[in-house]
Amino acid sequence: MDKCRGAWGLCLGAFIALAGIAIGLGIAASGLVRAVARNPSLTNELLQFTFFIAILPSIIIFLIAVFFLFICLIKKIIH
């Protein structure tokens, strides 16, 4: 039963990471839309800023979470 609970916890952690990415991307997208509406000439700079500040860190955090998820699942399967 402990192994089953541990696996459910790991899967829940991955879904929480995905939810965090969705929230972060939603906030970044809404800020980008407001900024472009105010000053359309800054579109390229704002897209780059949004990518490096909001999207890229979210993707990196998700990949780290999935990496540790796979490591923990492999350890649970082996032991």
PDB file of N, CA and C in Angstrom:
ATOM      1  N   MET A   1       0.822  -1.193   0.000  1.00  0.00           N
ATOM      2  CA  MET A   1       0.000   0.000   0.000  1.00  0.00           C
ATOM      3  C   MET A   1       0.868   1.260   0.000  1.00  0.00           C
ATOM      4  N   ASP A   2       2.018   1.199   0.687  1.00  0.00           N
ATOM      5  CA  ASP A   2       2.889   2.371   0.736  1.00  0.00           C
ATOM      6  C   ASP A   2       3.441   2.716  -0.642  1.00  0.00           C
ATOM      7  N   LYS A   3       3.765   1.681  -1.420  1.00  0.00           N
ATOM      8  CA  LYS A   3       4.277   1.949  -2.766  1.00  0.00           C
ATOM      9  C   LYS A   3       3.211   2.612  -3.628  1.00  0.00           C
ATOM     10  N   CYS A   4       1.970   2.176  -3.465  1.00  0.00           N
ATOM     11  CA  CYS A   4       0.875   2.756  -4.246  1.00  0.00           C
ATOM     12  C   CYS A   4       0.664   4.218  -3.862  1.00  0.00           C
ATOM     13  N   ARG A   5       0.698   4.514  -2.571  1.00  0.00           N
ATOM     14  CA  ARG A   5       0.531   5.902  -2.126  1.00  0.00           C
ATOM     15  C   ARG A   5       1.681   6.769  -2.609  1.00  0.00           C
ATOM     16  N   GLY A   6       2.886   6.232  -2.592  1.00  0.00           N
ATOM     17  CA  GLY A   6       4.040   6.996  -3.073  1.00  0.00           C
ATOM     18  C   GLY A   6       3.926   7.315  -4.554  1.00  0.00           C
ATOM     19  N   ALA A   7       3.465   6.348  -5.334  1.00  0.00           N
ATOM     20  CA  ALA A   7       3.304   6.585  -6.774  1.00  0.00           C
ATOM     21  C   ALA A   7       2.212   7.613  -7.037  1.00  0.00           C
ATOM     22  N   TRP A   8       1.113   7.538  -6.269  1.00  0.00           N
ATOM     23  CA  TRP A   8       0.050   8.535  -6.438  1.00  0.00           C
ATOM     24  C   TRP A   8       0.552   9.925  -6.078  1.00  0.00           C
ATOM     25  N   GLY A   9       1.378  10.004  -5.043  1.00  0.00           N
ATOM     26  CA  GLY A   9       1.945  11.294  -4.651  1.00  0.00           C
ATOM     27  C   GLY A   9       2.851  11.866  -5.725  1.00  0.00           C
ATOM     28  N   LEU A  10       3.627  11.000  -6.362  1.00  0.00           N
ATOM     29  CA  LEU A  10       4.507  11.462  -7.435  1.00  0.00           C
ATOM     30  C   LEU A  10       3.700  11.956  -8.628  1.00  0.00           C
ATOM     31  N   CYS A  11       2.665  11.224  -8.983  1.00  0.00           N
ATOM     32  CA  CYS A  11       1.822  11.659 -10.104  1.00  0.00           C
ATOM     33  C   CYS A  11       1.114  12.969  -9.773  1.00  0.00           C
ATOM     34  N   LEU A  12       0.671  13.104  -8.532  1.00  0.00           N
ATOM     35  CA  LEU A  12       0.027  14.344  -8.113  1.00  0.00           C
ATOM     36  C   LEU A  12       1.006  15.513  -8.190  1.00  0.00           C
ATOM     37  N   GLY A  13       2.260  15.274  -7.836  1.00  0.00           N
ATOM     38  CA  GLY A  13       3.272  16.323  -7.937  1.00  0.00           C
ATOM     39  C   GLY A  13       3.474  16.788  -9.369  1.00  0.00           C
ATOM     40  N   ALA A  14       3.455  15.860 -10.309  1.00  0.00           N
ATOM     41  CA  ALA A  14       3.602  16.244 -11.719  1.00  0.00           C
ATOM     42  C   ALA A  14       2.402  17.058 -12.186  1.00  0.00           C
ATOM     43  N   PHE A  15       1.209  16.684 -11.760  1.00  0.00           N
ATOM     44  CA  PHE A  15       0.023  17.459 -12.147  1.00  0.00           C
ATOM     45  C   PHE A  15       0.025  18.847 -11.512  1.00  0.00           C
ATOM     46  N   ILE A  16       0.534  18.952 -10.291  1.00  0.00           N
ATOM     47  CA  ILE A  16       0.645  20.264  -9.656  1.00  0.00           C
ATOM     48  C   ILE A  16       1.641  21.126 -10.419  1.00  0.00           C
ATOM     49  N   ALA A  17       2.737  20.522 -10.874  1.00  0.00           N
ATOM     50  CA  ALA A  17       3.704  21.271 -11.679  1.00  0.00           C
ATOM     51  C   ALA A  17       3.062  21.756 -12.974  1.00  0.00           C
ATOM     52  N   LEU A  18       2.259  20.910 -13.613  1.00  0.00           N
ATOM     53  CA  LEU A  18       1.562  21.325 -14.837  1.00  0.00           C
ATOM     54  C   LEU A  18       0.578  22.451 -14.557  1.00  0.00           C
ATOM     55  N   ALA A  19      -0.120  22.381 -13.434  1.00  0.00           N
ATOM     56  CA  ALA A  19      -1.057  23.450 -13.085  1.00  0.00           C
ATOM     57  C   ALA A  19      -0.316  24.758 -12.841  1.00  0.00           C
ATOM     58  N   GLY A  20       0.833  24.682 -12.209  1.00  0.00           N
ATOM     59  CA  GLY A  20       1.637  25.885 -11.997  1.00  0.00           C
ATOM     60  C   GLY A  20       2.096  26.501 -13.298  1.00  0.00           C
ATOM     61  N   ILE A  21       2.471  25.666 -14.256  1.00  0.00           N
ATOM     62  CA  ILE A  21       2.866  26.175 -15.571  1.00  0.00           C
ATOM     63  C   ILE A  21       1.684  26.846 -16.249  1.00  0.00           C
ATOM     64  N   ALA A  22       0.519  26.227 -16.171  1.00  0.00           N
ATOM     65  CA  ALA A  22      -0.662  26.817 -16.811  1.00  0.00           C
ATOM     66  C   ALA A  22      -1.004  28.170 -16.194  1.00  0.00           C
ATOM     67  N   ILE A  23      -0.917  28.265 -14.891  1.00  0.00           N
ATOM     68  CA  ILE A  23      -1.202  29.542 -14.230  1.00  0.00           C
ATOM     69  C   ILE A  23      -0.168  30.588 -14.626  1.00  0.00           C
ATOM     70  N   GLY A  24       1.100  30.205 -14.609  1.00  0.00           N
ATOM     71  CA  GLY A  24       2.157  31.146 -14.988  1.00  0.00           C
ATOM     72  C   GLY A  24       2.029  31.621 -16.421  1.00  0.00           C
ATOM     73  N   LEU A  25       1.715  30.710 -17.319  1.00  0.00           N
ATOM     74  CA  LEU A  25       1.551  31.099 -18.725  1.00  0.00           C
ATOM     75  C   LEU A  25       0.330  31.986 -18.913  1.00  0.00           C
ATOM     76  N   GLY A  26      -0.726  31.726 -18.163  1.00  0.00           N
ATOM     77  CA  GLY A  26      -1.908  32.582 -18.246  1.00  0.00           C
ATOM     78  C   GLY A  26      -1.618  33.995 -17.781  1.00  0.00           C
ATOM     79  N   ILE A  27      -0.884  34.121 -16.690  1.00  0.00           N
ATOM     80  CA  ILE A  27      -0.517  35.452 -16.196  1.00  0.00           C
ATOM     81  C   ILE A  27       0.388  36.159 -17.190  1.00  0.00           C
ATOM     82  N   ALA A  28       1.365  35.429 -17.740  1.00  0.00           N
ATOM     83  CA  ALA A  28       2.276  36.038 -18.713  1.00  0.00           C
ATOM     84  C   ALA A  28       1.534  36.460 -19.973  1.00  0.00           C
ATOM     85  N   ALA A  29       0.618  35.629 -20.432  1.00  0.00           N
ATOM     86  CA  ALA A  29      -0.127  35.963 -21.650  1.00  0.00           C
ATOM     87  C   ALA A  29      -1.029  37.171 -21.437  1.00  0.00           C
ATOM     88  N   SER A  30      -1.657  37.258 -20.280  1.00  0.00           N
ATOM     89  CA  SER A  30      -2.518  38.420 -20.034  1.00  0.00           C
ATOM     90  C   SER A  30      -1.697  39.698 -19.939  1.00  0.00           C
ATOM     91  N   GLY A  31      -0.538  39.624 -19.318  1.00  0.00           N
ATOM     92  CA  GLY A  31       0.336  40.795 -19.266  1.00  0.00           C
ATOM     93  C   GLY A  31       0.836  41.189 -20.635  1.00  0.00           C
ATOM     94  N   LEU A  32       1.143  40.195 -21.468  1.00  0.00           N
ATOM     95  CA  LEU A  32       1.610  40.476 -22.830  1.00  0.00           C
ATOM     96  C   LEU A  32       0.517  41.136 -23.657  1.00  0.00           C
ATOM     97  N   VAL A  33      -0.697  40.652 -23.537  1.00  0.00           N
ATOM     98  CA  VAL A  33      -1.813  41.237 -24.295  1.00  0.00           C
ATOM     99  C   VAL A  33      -2.039  42.685 -23.881  1.00  0.00           C
ATOM    100  N   ARG A  34      -1.996  42.946 -22.587  1.00  0.00           N
ATOM    101  CA  ARG A  34      -2.186  44.333 -22.115  1.00  0.00           C
ATOM    102  C   ARG A  34      -1.061  45.241 -22.594  1.00  0.00           C
ATOM    103  N   ALA A  35       0.171  44.751 -22.553  1.00  0.00           N
ATOM    104  CA  ALA A  35       1.309  45.581 -22.958  1.00  0.00           C
ATOM    105  C   ALA A  35       1.284  45.866 -24.451  1.00  0.00           C
ATOM    106  N   VAL A  36       0.943  44.864 -25.263  1.00  0.00           N
ATOM    107  CA  VAL A  36       0.882  45.069 -26.714  1.00  0.00           C
ATOM    108  C   VAL A  36      -0.270  46.002 -27.062  1.00  0.00           C
ATOM    109  N   ALA A  37      -1.359  45.916 -26.321  1.00  0.00           N
ATOM    110  CA  ALA A  37      -2.485  46.816 -26.584  1.00  0.00           C
ATOM    111  C   ALA A  37      -2.101  48.273 -26.309  1.00  0.00           C
ATOM    112  N   ARG A  38      -1.246  48.487 -25.337  1.00  0.00           N
ATOM    113  CA  ARG A  38      -0.838  49.862 -25.016  1.00  0.00           C
ATOM    114  C   ARG A  38       0.230  50.384 -25.967  1.00  0.00           C
ATOM    115  N   ASN A  39       1.156  49.508 -26.383  1.00  0.00           N
ATOM    116  CA  ASN A  39       2.248  49.955 -27.243  1.00  0.00           C
ATOM    117  C   ASN A  39       2.573  48.856 -28.256  1.00  0.00           C
ATOM    118  N   PRO A  40       1.909  48.842 -29.411  1.00  0.00           N
ATOM    119  CA  PRO A  40       2.111  47.762 -30.386  1.00  0.00           C
ATOM    120  C   PRO A  40       3.512  47.718 -30.995  1.00  0.00           C
ATOM    121  N   SER A  41       4.270  48.791 -30.906  1.00  0.00           N
ATOM    122  CA  SER A  41       5.597  48.792 -31.529  1.00  0.00           C
ATOM    123  C   SER A  41       6.609  47.957 -30.746  1.00  0.00           C
ATOM    124  N   LEU A  42       6.287  47.564 -29.537  1.00  0.00           N
ATOM    125  CA  LEU A  42       7.212  46.777 -28.720  1.00  0.00           C
ATOM    126  C   LEU A  42       6.918  45.281 -28.758  1.00  0.00           C
ATOM    127  N   THR A  43       6.223  44.827 -29.769  1.00  0.00           N
ATOM    128  CA  THR A  43       5.768  43.432 -29.801  1.00  0.00           C
ATOM    129  C   THR A  43       6.925  42.437 -29.715  1.00  0.00           C
ATOM    130  N   ASN A  44       7.967  42.593 -30.532  1.00  0.00           N
ATOM    131  CA  ASN A  44       9.080  41.635 -30.530  1.00  0.00           C
ATOM    132  C   ASN A  44       9.803  41.613 -29.189  1.00  0.00           C
ATOM    133  N   GLU A  45      10.067  42.794 -28.641  1.00  0.00           N
ATOM    134  CA  GLU A  45      10.757  42.850 -27.356  1.00  0.00           C
ATOM    135  C   GLU A  45       9.914  42.242 -26.244  1.00  0.00           C
ATOM    136  N   LEU A  46       8.618  42.499 -26.284  1.00  0.00           N
ATOM    137  CA  LEU A  46       7.744  41.943 -25.250  1.00  0.00           C
ATOM    138  C   LEU A  46       7.627  40.428 -25.366  1.00  0.00           C
ATOM    139  N   LEU A  47       7.608  39.917 -26.590  1.00  0.00           N
ATOM    140  CA  LEU A  47       7.566  38.463 -26.766  1.00  0.00           C
ATOM    141  C   LEU A  47       8.836  37.817 -26.220  1.00  0.00           C
ATOM    142  N   GLN A  48       9.988  38.413 -26.511  1.00  0.00           N
ATOM    143  CA  GLN A  48      11.241  37.870 -25.992  1.00  0.00           C
ATOM    144  C   GLN A  48      11.276  37.937 -24.469  1.00  0.00           C
ATOM    145  N   PHE A  49      10.843  39.061 -23.921  1.00  0.00           N
ATOM    146  CA  PHE A  49      10.822  39.226 -22.469  1.00  0.00           C
ATOM    147  C   PHE A  49       9.897  38.198 -21.824  1.00  0.00           C
ATOM    148  N   THR A  50       8.725  38.024 -22.397  1.00  0.00           N
ATOM    149  CA  THR A  50       7.771  37.055 -21.851  1.00  0.00           C
ATOM    150  C   THR A  50       8.327  35.644 -21.929  1.00  0.00           C
ATOM    151  N   PHE A  51       8.991  35.313 -23.026  1.00  0.00           N
ATOM    152  CA  PHE A  51       9.553  33.976 -23.173  1.00  0.00           C
ATOM    153  C   PHE A  51      10.619  33.714 -22.117  1.00  0.00           C
ATOM    154  N   PHE A  52      11.548  34.646 -21.947  1.00  0.00           N
ATOM    155  CA  PHE A  52      12.660  34.410 -21.029  1.00  0.00           C
ATOM    156  C   PHE A  52      12.273  34.554 -19.563  1.00  0.00           C
ATOM    157  N   ILE A  53      11.271  35.371 -19.265  1.00  0.00           N
ATOM    158  CA  ILE A  53      10.895  35.584 -17.871  1.00  0.00           C
ATOM    159  C   ILE A  53       9.820  34.602 -17.410  1.00  0.00           C
ATOM    160  N   ALA A  54       8.874  34.256 -18.266  1.00  0.00           N
ATOM    161  CA  ALA A  54       7.737  33.437 -17.827  1.00  0.00           C
ATOM    162  C   ALA A  54       7.746  32.026 -18.401  1.00  0.00           C
ATOM    163  N   ILE A  55       7.918  31.904 -19.692  1.00  0.00           N
ATOM    164  CA  ILE A  55       7.724  30.599 -20.323  1.00  0.00           C
ATOM    165  C   ILE A  55       8.918  29.675 -20.101  1.00  0.00           C
ATOM    166  N   LEU A  56      10.120  30.154 -20.346  1.00  0.00           N
ATOM    167  CA  LEU A  56      11.307  29.310 -20.225  1.00  0.00           C
ATOM    168  C   LEU A  56      11.510  28.767 -18.805  1.00  0.00           C
ATOM    169  N   PRO A  57      11.430  29.589 -17.757  1.00  0.00           N
ATOM    170  CA  PRO A  57      11.568  29.018 -16.406  1.00  0.00           C
ATOM    171  C   PRO A  57      10.483  27.997 -16.070  1.00  0.00           C
ATOM    172  N   SER A  58       9.260  28.222 -16.547  1.00  0.00           N
ATOM    173  CA  SER A  58       8.183  27.264 -16.288  1.00  0.00           C
ATOM    174  C   SER A  58       8.481  25.926 -16.946  1.00  0.00           C
ATOM    175  N   ILE A  59       8.980  25.963 -18.168  1.00  0.00           N
ATOM    176  CA  ILE A  59       9.322  24.722 -18.864  1.00  0.00           C
ATOM    177  C   ILE A  59      10.465  24.012 -18.152  1.00  0.00           C
ATOM    178  N   ILE A  60      11.462  24.763 -17.704  1.00  0.00           N
ATOM    179  CA  ILE A  60      12.593  24.157 -17.002  1.00  0.00           C
ATOM    180  C   ILE A  60      12.134  23.515 -15.695  1.00  0.00           C
ATOM    181  N   ILE A  61      11.290  24.202 -14.940  1.00  0.00           N
ATOM    182  CA  ILE A  61      10.777  23.644 -13.686  1.00  0.00           C
ATOM    183  C   ILE A  61       9.973  22.375 -13.952  1.00  0.00           C
ATOM    184  N   PHE A  62       9.155  22.386 -15.008  1.00  0.00           N
ATOM    185  CA  PHE A  62       8.374  21.199 -15.343  1.00  0.00           C
ATOM    186  C   PHE A  62       9.283  20.029 -15.718  1.00  0.00           C
ATOM    187  N   LEU A  63      10.317  20.295 -16.518  1.00  0.00           N
ATOM    188  CA  LEU A  63      11.224  19.219 -16.917  1.00  0.00           C
ATOM    189  C   LEU A  63      11.972  18.646 -15.721  1.00  0.00           C
ATOM    190  N   ILE A  64      12.366  19.494 -14.785  1.00  0.00           N
ATOM    191  CA  ILE A  64      13.023  19.001 -13.575  1.00  0.00           C
ATOM    192  C   ILE A  64      12.060  18.131 -12.768  1.00  0.00           C
ATOM    193  N   ALA A  65      10.802  18.576 -12.636  1.00  0.00           N
ATOM    194  CA  ALA A  65       9.812  17.791 -11.892  1.00  0.00           C
ATOM    195  C   ALA A  65       9.575  16.440 -12.551  1.00  0.00           C
ATOM    196  N   VAL A  66       9.468  16.418 -13.865  1.00  0.00           N
ATOM    197  CA  VAL A  66       9.248  15.153 -14.576  1.00  0.00           C
ATOM    198  C   VAL A  66      10.474  14.255 -14.461  1.00  0.00           C
ATOM    199  N   PHE A  67      11.671  14.844 -14.520  1.00  0.00           N
ATOM    200  CA  PHE A  67      12.903  14.066 -14.372  1.00  0.00           C
ATOM    201  C   PHE A  67      12.931  13.361 -13.019  1.00  0.00           C
ATOM    202  N   PHE A  68      12.643  14.101 -11.942  1.00  0.00           N
ATOM    203  CA  PHE A  68      12.625  13.483 -10.621  1.00  0.00           C
ATOM    204  C   PHE A  68      11.474  12.503 -10.472  1.00  0.00           C
ATOM    205  N   LEU A  69      10.369  12.762 -11.148  1.00  0.00           N
ATOM    206  CA  LEU A  69       9.257  11.815 -11.135  1.00  0.00           C
ATOM    207  C   LEU A  69       9.688  10.481 -11.731  1.00  0.00           C
ATOM    208  N   PHE A  70      10.364  10.521 -12.874  1.00  0.00           N
ATOM    209  CA  PHE A  70      10.829   9.283 -13.496  1.00  0.00           C
ATOM    210  C   PHE A  70      11.866   8.575 -12.634  1.00  0.00           C
ATOM    211  N   ILE A  71      12.762   9.331 -12.022  1.00  0.00           N
ATOM    212  CA  ILE A  71      13.763   8.708 -11.153  1.00  0.00           C
ATOM    213  C   ILE A  71      13.083   7.997  -9.985  1.00  0.00           C
ATOM    214  N   CYS A  72      12.123   8.667  -9.352  1.00  0.00           N
ATOM    215  CA  CYS A  72      11.433   8.052  -8.213  1.00  0.00           C
ATOM    216  C   CYS A  72      10.606   6.843  -8.639  1.00  0.00           C
ATOM    217  N   LEU A  73       9.959   6.936  -9.796  1.00  0.00           N
ATOM    218  CA  LEU A  73       9.181   5.787 -10.270  1.00  0.00           C
ATOM    219  C   LEU A  73      10.084   4.607 -10.590  1.00  0.00           C
ATOM    220  N   ILE A  74      11.235   4.868 -11.187  1.00  0.00           N
ATOM    221  CA  ILE A  74      12.173   3.782 -11.488  1.00  0.00           C
ATOM    222  C   ILE A  74      12.672   3.148 -10.195  1.00  0.00           C
ATOM    223  N   LYS A  75      12.974   3.966  -9.192  1.00  0.00           N
ATOM    224  CA  LYS A  75      13.408   3.419  -7.902  1.00  0.00           C
ATOM    225  C   LYS A  75      12.313   2.564  -7.275  1.00  0.00           C
ATOM    226  N   LYS A  76      11.056   3.000  -7.376  1.00  0.00           N
ATOM    227  CA  LYS A  76       9.951   2.230  -6.794  1.00  0.00           C
ATOM    228  C   LYS A  76       9.746   0.914  -7.543  1.00  0.00           C
ATOM    229  N   ILE A  77       9.940   0.934  -8.859  1.00  0.00           N
ATOM    230  CA  ILE A  77       9.773  -0.295  -9.635  1.00  0.00           C
ATOM    231  C   ILE A  77      10.890  -1.284  -9.319  1.00  0.00           C
ATOM    232  N   ILE A  78      12.117  -0.781  -9.187  1.00  0.00           N
ATOM    233  CA  ILE A  78      13.262  -1.660  -8.936  1.00  0.00           C
ATOM    234  C   ILE A  78      13.188  -2.266  -7.536  1.00  0.00           C
ATOM    235  N   HIS A  79      12.804  -1.467  -6.548  1.00  0.00           N
ATOM    236  CA  HIS A  79      12.798  -1.965  -5.160  1.00  0.00           C
ATOM    237  C   HIS A  79      11.466  -2.503  -4.841  1.00  0.00           C
TER     238      HIS A  79
END
